Amino acid sequence: MFARFEQGSTGRWLLTGVLLLGEAVTADRLRKVPVAALENSWNLTVDGGDFRAEVEALPPLKREPGMPPEEFSDLVAQHYTTWARYVAHPADAMAAEHGIKVPTVHTWIREARLRGFLPPARRGKGRGL
């Protein structure tokens, strides 16, 4: 299998072509192409150095005692925006990176959206900003 990627308007690399060689191409075989995993891998490989440096430059993703809710929502938005440039499912990646349950991260993201730190979520296929 060969894959072609192009950089989207957000700076994230998107899968734009796939070449399958070998056995007959069937619907079953096409469904097994891990599009999200391919995109994540490519984005982390191509810009991996920038990604790790960006994530490590962010303050830790935890609510400190006495931290105003607006400040925490802004912090969540910073982390989400950074992760969204590199992975297809930023909430899942944030949860895994920080040892937090995914539903908790989704709640934080929802709160950041309600406070205006993130744009409304897109409905339909996939996830993202």
Protein backbone atom coordinates (compact mmCIF):
# COMPACT_ATOMS: atom_id res chain seq x y z
CA MET A 1 0.00 0.00 0.00
CA PHE A 2 1.14 3.53 -0.82
CA ALA A 3 -0.46 6.68 0.56
CA ARG A 4 -0.38 10.32 -0.55
CA PHE A 5 -0.93 13.22 1.86
CA GLU A 6 -1.61 16.93 1.34
CA GLN A 7 -1.56 19.65 3.93
CA GLY A 8 -5.02 21.00 4.75
CA SER A 9 -5.97 24.59 5.59
CA THR A 10 -5.39 23.94 9.33
CA GLY A 11 -1.84 22.70 8.69
CA ARG A 12 -2.78 19.07 9.36
CA TRP A 13 -1.77 16.51 6.72
CA LEU A 14 -4.75 14.69 5.19
CA LEU A 15 -4.82 11.41 3.28
CA THR A 16 -5.61 12.28 -0.35
CA GLY A 17 -4.69 9.08 -2.16
CA VAL A 18 -4.18 5.38 -1.61
CA LEU A 19 -2.65 2.81 -3.94
CA LEU A 20 -3.32 -0.83 -3.08
CA LEU A 21 -1.25 -3.45 -4.86
CA GLY A 22 -1.42 -7.20 -4.63
CA GLU A 23 -4.66 -9.06 -4.12
CA ALA A 24 -7.97 -8.04 -5.63
CA VAL A 25 -9.36 -4.78 -4.25
CA THR A 26 -12.58 -5.60 -2.47
CA ALA A 27 -14.92 -3.53 -0.31
CA ASP A 28 -13.80 -5.59 2.66
CA ARG A 29 -10.16 -4.79 1.94
CA LEU A 30 -10.86 -1.06 1.51
CA ARG A 31 -12.69 -0.94 4.85
CA LYS A 32 -9.53 -2.25 6.52
CA VAL A 33 -7.46 0.77 5.44
CA PRO A 34 -6.87 2.62 8.75
CA VAL A 35 -7.31 6.18 7.47
CA ALA A 36 -7.23 7.92 10.88
CA ALA A 37 -4.21 5.89 11.99
CA LEU A 38 -2.36 6.67 8.74
CA GLU A 39 -3.07 10.41 9.10
CA ASN A 40 -2.05 10.43 12.76
CA SER A 41 1.15 8.58 12.01
CA TRP A 42 2.04 10.88 9.12
CA ASN A 43 1.30 14.06 11.09
CA LEU A 44 3.35 12.91 14.06
CA THR A 45 6.22 11.76 11.83
CA VAL A 46 6.40 14.78 9.53
CA ASP A 47 6.01 17.41 12.24
CA GLY A 48 6.84 15.22 15.24
CA GLY A 49 9.58 17.46 16.58
CA ASP A 50 7.37 20.53 16.45
CA PHE A 51 4.49 18.60 18.00
CA ARG A 52 6.40 17.33 21.02
CA ALA A 53 7.98 20.75 21.60
CA GLU A 54 4.57 22.45 21.37
CA VAL A 55 2.93 20.02 23.80
CA GLU A 56 5.79 20.23 26.29
CA ALA A 57 5.71 24.05 26.14
CA LEU A 58 2.10 24.08 27.34
CA PRO A 59 1.33 24.35 31.06
CA PRO A 60 0.23 21.00 32.57
CA LEU A 61 -3.37 20.09 31.83
CA LYS A 62 -4.68 20.10 35.37
CA ARG A 63 -6.96 22.32 37.36
CA GLU A 64 -5.00 23.94 40.16
CA PRO A 65 -6.77 24.85 43.44
CA GLY A 66 -8.24 28.32 43.15
CA MET A 67 -7.86 28.40 39.36
CA PRO A 68 -10.76 30.34 37.82
CA PRO A 69 -12.96 28.23 35.51
CA GLU A 70 -12.25 30.60 32.60
CA GLU A 71 -8.50 30.13 33.00
CA PHE A 72 -8.85 26.34 33.01
CA SER A 73 -11.11 26.44 29.94
CA ASP A 74 -8.50 28.56 28.15
CA LEU A 75 -5.83 25.99 29.08
CA VAL A 76 -8.00 23.15 27.75
CA ALA A 77 -8.51 25.10 24.51
CA GLN A 78 -4.74 25.61 24.12
CA HIS A 79 -4.10 21.89 24.55
CA TYR A 80 -6.98 20.91 22.25
CA THR A 81 -5.90 23.30 19.50
CA THR A 82 -2.33 22.00 19.64
CA TRP A 83 -3.37 18.34 19.53
CA ALA A 84 -5.94 18.99 16.75
CA ARG A 85 -3.16 20.14 14.41
CA TYR A 86 -1.53 16.71 14.62
CA VAL A 87 -4.12 14.01 15.39
CA ALA A 88 -7.61 13.20 14.16
CA HIS A 89 -9.02 12.66 17.68
CA PRO A 90 -7.42 15.26 19.95
CA ALA A 91 -9.62 14.55 22.99
CA ASP A 92 -8.63 10.88 22.94
CA ALA A 93 -4.95 11.77 22.57
CA MET A 94 -5.12 14.34 25.38
CA ALA A 95 -6.76 11.80 27.68
CA ALA A 96 -4.12 9.17 26.91
CA GLU A 97 -1.23 11.63 27.31
CA HIS A 98 -2.41 12.89 30.71
CA GLY A 99 -4.00 9.72 32.12
CA ILE A 100 -7.48 11.24 32.17
CA LYS A 101 -10.72 9.54 31.20
CA VAL A 102 -11.94 10.51 27.72
CA PRO A 103 -15.43 11.58 28.93
CA THR A 104 -13.76 14.00 31.38
CA VAL A 105 -11.76 15.59 28.56
CA HIS A 106 -14.93 15.84 26.45
CA THR A 107 -16.63 17.65 29.32
CA TRP A 108 -13.72 20.08 29.59
CA ILE A 109 -13.80 20.71 25.84
CA ARG A 110 -17.56 21.29 25.93
CA GLU A 111 -17.06 23.84 28.73
CA ALA A 112 -14.28 25.57 26.74
CA ARG A 113 -16.65 25.79 23.75
CA LEU A 114 -19.46 27.20 25.91
CA ARG A 115 -17.08 29.84 27.29
CA GLY A 116 -16.02 30.80 23.75
CA PHE A 117 -12.43 29.51 23.86
CA LEU A 118 -13.11 26.99 21.06
CA PRO A 119 -15.38 27.24 18.02
CA PRO A 120 -18.54 25.10 17.89
CA ALA A 121 -17.98 21.43 17.12
CA ARG A 122 -18.67 20.22 13.61
CA ARG A 123 -21.50 17.73 13.32
CA GLY A 124 -21.30 14.60 11.25
CA LYS A 125 -18.41 12.53 10.07
CA GLY A 126 -15.29 12.66 12.20
CA ARG A 127 -14.26 14.94 15.00
CA GLY A 128 -12.24 18.11 15.17
CA LEU A 129 -12.32 21.82 15.76
